Amino acid sequence: MKAFLTATLLLFSVVLFAQDQTIKNLQTEGTKKIEKDAADTAQKTWKKGGIFSFNIAQSSLSNWAAGGDDFSMSLTTYLNLYAYYKKGKHSWDNTLNVNLAYINSTSLGTRKNDDRFDILSKYGYALNPKLNLSALFNFRSQMFKGYNYPTDNTKELSSDFLSPAYVLLSPGLDYHPVKNLSIFLSPASVRWTIVKNDSLSAKGLYGVDTGKHVKTEFGAFATINYTANITKALTYTGRLDLFSNYLKNPQNIDVNFTNLFAVKISKVISATWSIDLIYDDDAKLFGPGKDAPRTQFKSVVGAGLMVKF
């Protein structure tokens, strides 16, 4: 009996010691940091993010000898979204850019001075680390009506949603000589110019035949995209699109060049400078002496809220 009691107490002590040790082990394991295995080299399949910028400026004058509007206010918004897919030799890059800006002043009222909606989607199959066999889709238009102002008291409709709109399909080669630089070239691309608004199509604007709503072009296309962190606070994003229509005046190359400089002032405050240059051989401007295509230029400087996500 005494031996039995001794054995029982010994067994009970061992059980308690094991339980206590188990609890200590669980506590130790629970406080460990989970670290990635060095042998695991798998990367994310999708990379997604974007930038939203909101700039506002206001001025008011009272008995100002130099003259000017008693009140003026400008509002500028910019949205960039991206989603990049990469797995093995396959890649799929998608971007969305939306610009919208208005200005209001005592003498001119409210006018739109920027409106753009641009979707770019590009699939690639890697032939080597720097060269992809690719297919590109691009849709570009605007969201609201735009006007020209021959005089301060009159306005003339010049654009609308899907008037114009440009749809491009382009197979080609995509070259990446360095990081953040893409050069896409295609000798055989199809571009459709759409003018949905009846009053604008009746004037034969943007190269569409009078009364028609769609024009088809076949030609060569190139696009160069580049982003850079110039300094810790200054970033640059640029895109240059070139298109030559084989069917009419191939020597007159259409140009769409967009640039954005952003300076980070604080965590959410920044200053931006956007520069756009456009030449479209089929886009004739309104007004006397403006019956031929011209180089279009736009520069906007602003400061305000910028959020990255």
Protein backbone atom coordinates (compact mmCIF):
# COMPACT_ATOMS: atom_id res chain seq x y z
CA MET A 1 0.00 0.00 0.00
CA LYS A 2 2.81 2.33 0.90
CA ALA A 3 4.55 1.52 -2.40
CA PHE A 4 1.29 2.17 -4.26
CA LEU A 5 0.85 5.58 -2.63
CA THR A 6 4.46 6.48 -3.39
CA ALA A 7 4.03 5.52 -7.05
CA THR A 8 0.76 7.46 -7.29
CA LEU A 9 2.30 10.61 -5.84
CA LEU A 10 5.28 10.29 -8.18
CA LEU A 11 3.02 9.87 -11.21
CA PHE A 12 0.89 12.84 -10.11
CA SER A 13 4.02 15.00 -9.75
CA VAL A 14 5.20 14.02 -13.24
CA VAL A 15 1.77 14.91 -14.72
CA LEU A 16 1.77 18.31 -13.00
CA PHE A 17 5.33 18.99 -14.18
CA ALA A 18 4.39 18.03 -17.77
CA GLN A 19 1.32 20.28 -17.71
CA ASP A 20 3.34 23.15 -16.31
CA GLN A 21 6.02 22.66 -18.97
CA THR A 22 3.36 22.46 -21.70
CA ILE A 23 1.84 25.77 -20.57
CA LYS A 24 5.28 27.38 -20.56
CA ASN A 25 5.95 26.07 -24.07
CA LEU A 26 2.62 27.42 -25.34
CA GLN A 27 3.36 30.83 -23.84
CA THR A 28 6.80 30.84 -25.46
CA GLU A 29 5.40 29.84 -28.86
CA GLY A 30 2.64 32.43 -28.57
CA THR A 31 5.10 35.26 -28.14
CA LYS A 32 7.28 34.27 -31.12
CA LYS A 33 7.21 36.45 -34.22
CA ILE A 34 6.15 34.75 -37.44
CA GLU A 35 8.86 35.25 -40.02
CA LYS A 36 8.86 34.41 -43.71
CA ASP A 37 10.90 31.35 -44.67
CA ALA A 38 14.03 32.49 -46.50
CA ALA A 39 13.45 29.70 -49.02
CA ASP A 40 9.99 31.09 -49.87
CA THR A 41 10.54 33.40 -52.86
CA ALA A 42 6.90 33.65 -53.97
CA GLN A 43 5.76 37.17 -54.83
CA LYS A 44 2.36 38.84 -54.80
CA THR A 45 0.28 38.12 -57.92
CA TRP A 46 -1.49 41.52 -57.86
CA LYS A 47 -0.14 44.94 -57.01
CA LYS A 48 -2.85 47.58 -56.55
CA GLY A 49 -2.97 51.21 -55.44
CA GLY A 50 -3.60 54.78 -56.49
CA ILE A 51 -3.36 58.51 -55.88
CA PHE A 52 -6.11 61.05 -55.28
CA SER A 53 -5.37 64.78 -55.47
CA PHE A 54 -7.72 67.64 -54.58
CA ASN A 55 -6.61 71.24 -55.12
CA ILE A 56 -8.59 74.42 -54.49
CA ALA A 57 -7.68 78.09 -54.88
CA GLN A 58 -9.74 81.20 -54.14
CA SER A 59 -9.17 84.96 -54.44
CA SER A 60 -11.28 88.05 -53.80
CA LEU A 61 -10.71 91.73 -54.54
CA SER A 62 -12.26 94.91 -53.21
CA ASN A 63 -11.40 98.37 -54.60
CA TRP A 64 -8.31 96.83 -56.18
CA ALA A 65 -6.68 99.53 -58.31
CA ALA A 66 -4.89 97.06 -60.60
CA GLY A 67 -8.23 95.50 -61.58
CA GLY A 68 -9.41 91.91 -61.75
CA ASP A 69 -12.38 89.77 -60.79
CA ASP A 70 -14.00 90.51 -57.46
CA PHE A 71 -14.15 86.78 -56.80
CA SER A 72 -12.60 83.70 -58.38
CA MET A 73 -12.26 80.07 -57.34
CA SER A 74 -10.73 77.05 -59.03
CA LEU A 75 -11.19 73.39 -58.19
CA THR A 76 -8.98 70.63 -59.58
CA THR A 77 -9.19 66.88 -58.91
CA TYR A 78 -6.98 64.06 -60.12
CA LEU A 79 -7.44 60.31 -59.63
CA ASN A 80 -5.01 57.58 -60.67
CA LEU A 81 -5.73 53.90 -60.01
CA TYR A 82 -3.60 50.94 -61.00
CA ALA A 83 -3.75 47.14 -60.81
CA TYR A 84 -0.76 45.13 -62.01
CA TYR A 85 -0.79 41.33 -62.38
CA LYS A 86 2.38 39.24 -62.66
CA LYS A 87 2.71 35.46 -62.60
CA GLY A 88 5.39 33.51 -64.40
CA LYS A 89 5.72 34.86 -67.93
CA HIS A 90 2.28 36.46 -67.89
CA SER A 91 1.58 40.09 -66.94
CA TRP A 92 -1.47 42.34 -67.11
CA ASP A 93 -1.18 46.09 -66.39
CA ASN A 94 -4.26 48.26 -65.88
CA THR A 95 -4.47 51.99 -65.17
CA LEU A 96 -7.30 54.51 -64.82
CA ASN A 97 -6.73 58.27 -64.92
CA VAL A 98 -9.50 60.79 -64.25
CA ASN A 99 -9.01 64.59 -64.33
CA LEU A 100 -11.73 67.15 -63.63
CA ALA A 101 -11.38 70.89 -63.00
CA TYR A 102 -13.67 73.92 -62.88
CA ILE A 103 -13.10 77.63 -62.45
CA ASN A 104 -15.61 80.23 -61.30
CA SER A 105 -15.15 83.99 -61.53
CA THR A 106 -17.31 87.09 -61.29
CA SER A 107 -16.92 88.06 -64.94
CA LEU A 108 -16.94 84.62 -66.61
CA GLY A 109 -19.15 82.50 -64.39
CA THR A 110 -18.42 78.77 -64.09
CA ARG A 111 -16.34 77.07 -66.78
CA LYS A 112 -14.74 73.68 -67.12
CA ASN A 113 -11.01 73.77 -67.81
CA ASP A 114 -10.08 70.07 -67.54
CA ASP A 115 -11.98 66.83 -68.13
CA ARG A 116 -10.38 63.50 -69.01
CA PHE A 117 -11.18 59.82 -68.58
CA ASP A 118 -8.47 57.38 -69.68
CA ILE A 119 -8.31 53.57 -69.33
CA LEU A 120 -5.21 51.64 -70.41
CA SER A 121 -4.98 47.84 -70.28
CA LYS A 122 -1.96 45.87 -71.50
CA TYR A 123 -1.33 42.11 -71.50
CA GLY A 124 2.20 40.78 -71.88
CA TYR A 125 3.92 37.45 -72.39
CA ALA A 126 7.63 37.56 -71.54
CA LEU A 127 10.00 36.63 -74.36
CA ASN A 128 12.96 37.56 -72.14
CA PRO A 129 13.39 39.62 -68.94
CA LYS A 130 13.15 42.93 -70.87
CA LEU A 131 10.85 42.16 -73.82
CA ASN A 132 7.18 41.15 -73.87
CA LEU A 133 4.87 40.12 -76.66
CA SER A 134 1.88 42.32 -75.83
CA ALA A 135 -1.64 43.43 -76.69
CA LEU A 136 -2.90 46.88 -75.66
CA PHE A 137 -6.36 48.39 -75.23
CA ASN A 138 -6.95 52.11 -74.63
CA PHE A 139 -10.18 54.06 -74.13
CA ARG A 140 -10.06 57.85 -73.79
CA SER A 141 -12.93 60.34 -73.50
CA GLN A 142 -14.44 62.89 -71.11
CA MET A 143 -17.38 62.99 -68.71
CA PHE A 144 -19.18 66.31 -69.28
CA LYS A 145 -19.95 68.87 -71.96
CA GLY A 146 -17.27 71.32 -72.99
CA TYR A 147 -17.70 74.75 -74.58
CA ASN A 148 -15.75 77.34 -76.49
CA TYR A 149 -16.50 81.00 -75.77
CA PRO A 150 -16.30 83.22 -78.88
CA THR A 151 -17.37 86.14 -76.70
CA ASP A 152 -17.88 86.62 -72.98
CA ASN A 153 -21.66 86.29 -73.39
CA THR A 154 -21.87 83.38 -75.84
CA LYS A 155 -20.76 79.78 -75.73
CA GLU A 156 -20.55 77.07 -78.35
CA LEU A 157 -20.65 73.32 -77.66
CA SER A 158 -17.32 71.74 -78.58
CA SER A 159 -17.34 68.34 -76.83
CA ASP A 160 -19.43 65.94 -74.79
CA PHE A 161 -19.31 62.47 -73.25
CA LEU A 162 -18.18 60.07 -76.04
CA SER A 163 -17.78 63.13 -78.29
CA PRO A 164 -15.02 62.59 -78.96
CA ALA A 165 -13.92 59.21 -77.63
CA TYR A 166 -10.97 57.17 -78.84
CA VAL A 167 -10.76 53.38 -78.74
CA LEU A 168 -7.47 51.69 -79.64
CA LEU A 169 -6.54 48.02 -80.11
CA SER A 170 -2.88 47.36 -80.67
CA PRO A 171 -0.72 44.18 -80.74
CA GLY A 172 3.02 44.75 -80.48
CA LEU A 173 6.23 44.48 -78.48
CA ASP A 174 6.75 45.99 -75.04
CA TYR A 175 10.35 46.80 -74.11
CA HIS A 176 11.54 47.53 -70.55
CA PRO A 177 15.17 48.69 -70.77
CA VAL A 178 15.25 49.96 -67.18
CA LYS A 179 12.98 49.93 -64.15
CA ASN A 180 9.78 52.03 -64.46
CA LEU A 181 10.27 52.62 -68.23
CA SER A 182 8.03 50.93 -70.81
CA ILE A 183 8.31 51.38 -74.60
CA PHE A 184 5.47 49.78 -76.55
CA LEU A 185 5.63 49.61 -80.38
CA SER A 186 3.02 48.33 -82.83
CA PRO A 187 3.15 48.52 -86.65
CA ALA A 188 -0.50 47.47 -87.01
CA SER A 189 -3.10 49.17 -84.78
CA VAL A 190 -6.78 50.00 -85.20
CA ARG A 191 -8.24 53.20 -83.76
CA TRP A 192 -11.87 54.25 -83.70
CA THR A 193 -12.88 57.90 -83.21
CA ILE A 194 -16.41 58.25 -81.83
CA VAL A 195 -18.58 61.39 -81.92
CA LYS A 196 -21.89 60.37 -80.33
CA ASN A 197 -23.41 63.86 -80.05
CA ASP A 198 -25.61 64.55 -83.11
CA SER A 199 -24.91 68.30 -83.31
CA LEU A 200 -21.14 67.73 -83.21
CA SER A 201 -21.21 64.89 -85.75
CA ALA A 202 -23.32 67.10 -88.06
CA LYS A 203 -20.35 69.50 -88.19
CA GLY A 204 -17.93 66.70 -89.09
CA LEU A 205 -15.71 67.37 -86.08
CA TYR A 206 -12.71 65.32 -84.95
CA GLY A 207 -12.25 63.76 -88.40
CA VAL A 208 -15.61 61.96 -88.46
CA ASP A 209 -17.50 62.40 -91.75
CA THR A 210 -20.43 64.85 -91.56
CA GLY A 211 -23.44 63.13 -90.05
CA LYS A 212 -21.44 60.03 -89.10
CA HIS A 213 -20.61 58.92 -85.57
CA VAL A 214 -17.58 56.67 -86.00
CA LYS A 215 -14.33 56.85 -87.98
CA THR A 216 -11.96 53.88 -88.33
CA GLU A 217 -8.21 54.34 -88.75
CA PHE A 218 -5.41 51.82 -89.30
CA GLY A 219 -1.82 52.71 -88.54
CA ALA A 220 1.27 52.49 -86.34
CA PHE A 221 1.16 53.20 -82.63
CA ALA A 222 3.77 53.77 -79.92
CA THR A 223 3.47 54.63 -76.26
CA ILE A 224 6.22 55.43 -73.76
CA ASN A 225 5.44 55.35 -70.02
CA TYR A 226 7.87 56.45 -67.33
CA THR A 227 7.72 57.09 -63.59
CA ALA A 228 10.54 58.31 -61.36
CA ASN A 229 11.27 59.42 -57.82
CA ILE A 230 13.47 62.40 -58.63
CA THR A 231 13.99 63.11 -54.93
CA LYS A 232 12.37 61.82 -51.76
CA ALA A 233 9.74 64.54 -52.09
CA LEU A 234 9.48 64.97 -55.90
CA THR A 235 7.93 62.37 -58.22
CA TYR A 236 7.29 62.39 -61.96
CA THR A 237 4.83 60.45 -64.12
CA GLY A 238 4.86 60.79 -67.91
CA ARG A 239 3.18 59.19 -70.91
CA LEU A 240 3.74 59.86 -74.62
CA ASP A 241 1.34 58.37 -77.21
CA LEU A 242 2.09 58.55 -80.96
CA PHE A 243 -0.20 57.40 -83.78
CA SER A 244 0.28 57.52 -87.56
CA ASN A 245 -2.74 56.84 -89.80
CA TYR A 246 -1.64 54.80 -92.82
CA LEU A 247 -4.86 55.68 -94.67
CA LYS A 248 -4.52 59.48 -94.59
CA ASN A 249 -1.51 61.77 -94.14
CA PRO A 250 0.70 59.19 -92.34
CA GLN A 251 3.41 61.85 -92.01
CA ASN A 252 1.16 63.88 -89.68
CA ILE A 253 1.60 62.03 -86.40
CA ASP A 254 -0.99 62.46 -83.64
CA VAL A 255 0.62 63.25 -80.28
CA ASN A 256 -0.78 62.94 -76.76
CA PHE A 257 1.83 63.85 -74.12
CA THR A 258 0.92 64.02 -70.40
CA ASN A 259 3.23 64.92 -67.52
CA LEU A 260 2.66 65.21 -63.79
CA PHE A 261 5.13 66.50 -61.21
CA ALA A 262 4.17 66.12 -57.55
CA VAL A 263 6.02 67.61 -54.57
CA LYS A 264 5.20 66.15 -51.16
CA ILE A 265 4.99 68.92 -48.55
CA SER A 266 3.60 66.85 -45.69
CA LYS A 267 1.93 63.48 -45.23
CA VAL A 268 -1.25 64.56 -47.07
CA ILE A 269 -0.38 68.00 -48.50
CA SER A 270 1.39 68.34 -51.84
CA ALA A 271 1.90 70.66 -54.79
CA THR A 272 1.35 69.44 -58.35
CA TRP A 273 2.16 70.67 -61.83
CA SER A 274 0.54 68.97 -64.82
CA ILE A 275 1.58 69.67 -68.40
CA ASP A 276 -0.40 68.30 -71.36
CA LEU A 277 0.44 68.62 -75.05
CA ILE A 278 -1.87 67.33 -77.78
CA TYR A 279 -1.70 67.37 -81.55
CA ASP A 280 -4.54 65.66 -83.46
CA ASP A 281 -4.46 66.07 -87.23
CA ASP A 282 -8.24 65.63 -87.34
CA ALA A 283 -9.13 68.03 -84.50
CA LYS A 284 -9.79 71.52 -85.88
CA LEU A 285 -10.37 74.37 -83.48
CA PHE A 286 -13.40 76.67 -83.48
CA GLY A 287 -13.53 80.29 -84.51
CA PRO A 288 -12.34 82.49 -87.39
CA GLY A 289 -8.97 81.43 -88.76
CA LYS A 290 -9.06 78.22 -86.72
CA ASP A 291 -10.06 75.75 -89.43
CA ALA A 292 -6.82 73.76 -89.19
CA PRO A 293 -5.34 71.52 -86.51
CA ARG A 294 -3.14 73.24 -83.96
CA THR A 295 -0.90 72.13 -81.12
CA GLN A 296 -2.92 72.15 -77.90
CA PHE A 297 -1.13 72.97 -74.64
CA LYS A 298 -2.36 72.99 -71.06
CA SER A 299 -0.49 73.72 -67.82
CA VAL A 300 -2.08 73.52 -64.35
CA VAL A 301 -0.31 74.29 -61.05
CA GLY A 302 -2.01 73.57 -57.76
CA ALA A 303 -1.52 72.75 -54.10
CA GLY A 304 -3.76 70.79 -51.83
CA LEU A 305 -4.65 67.34 -50.57
CA MET A 306 -2.93 64.25 -51.99
CA VAL A 307 -3.62 60.77 -50.66
CA LYS A 308 -1.85 57.56 -51.70
CA PHE A 309 -3.49 54.20 -51.14
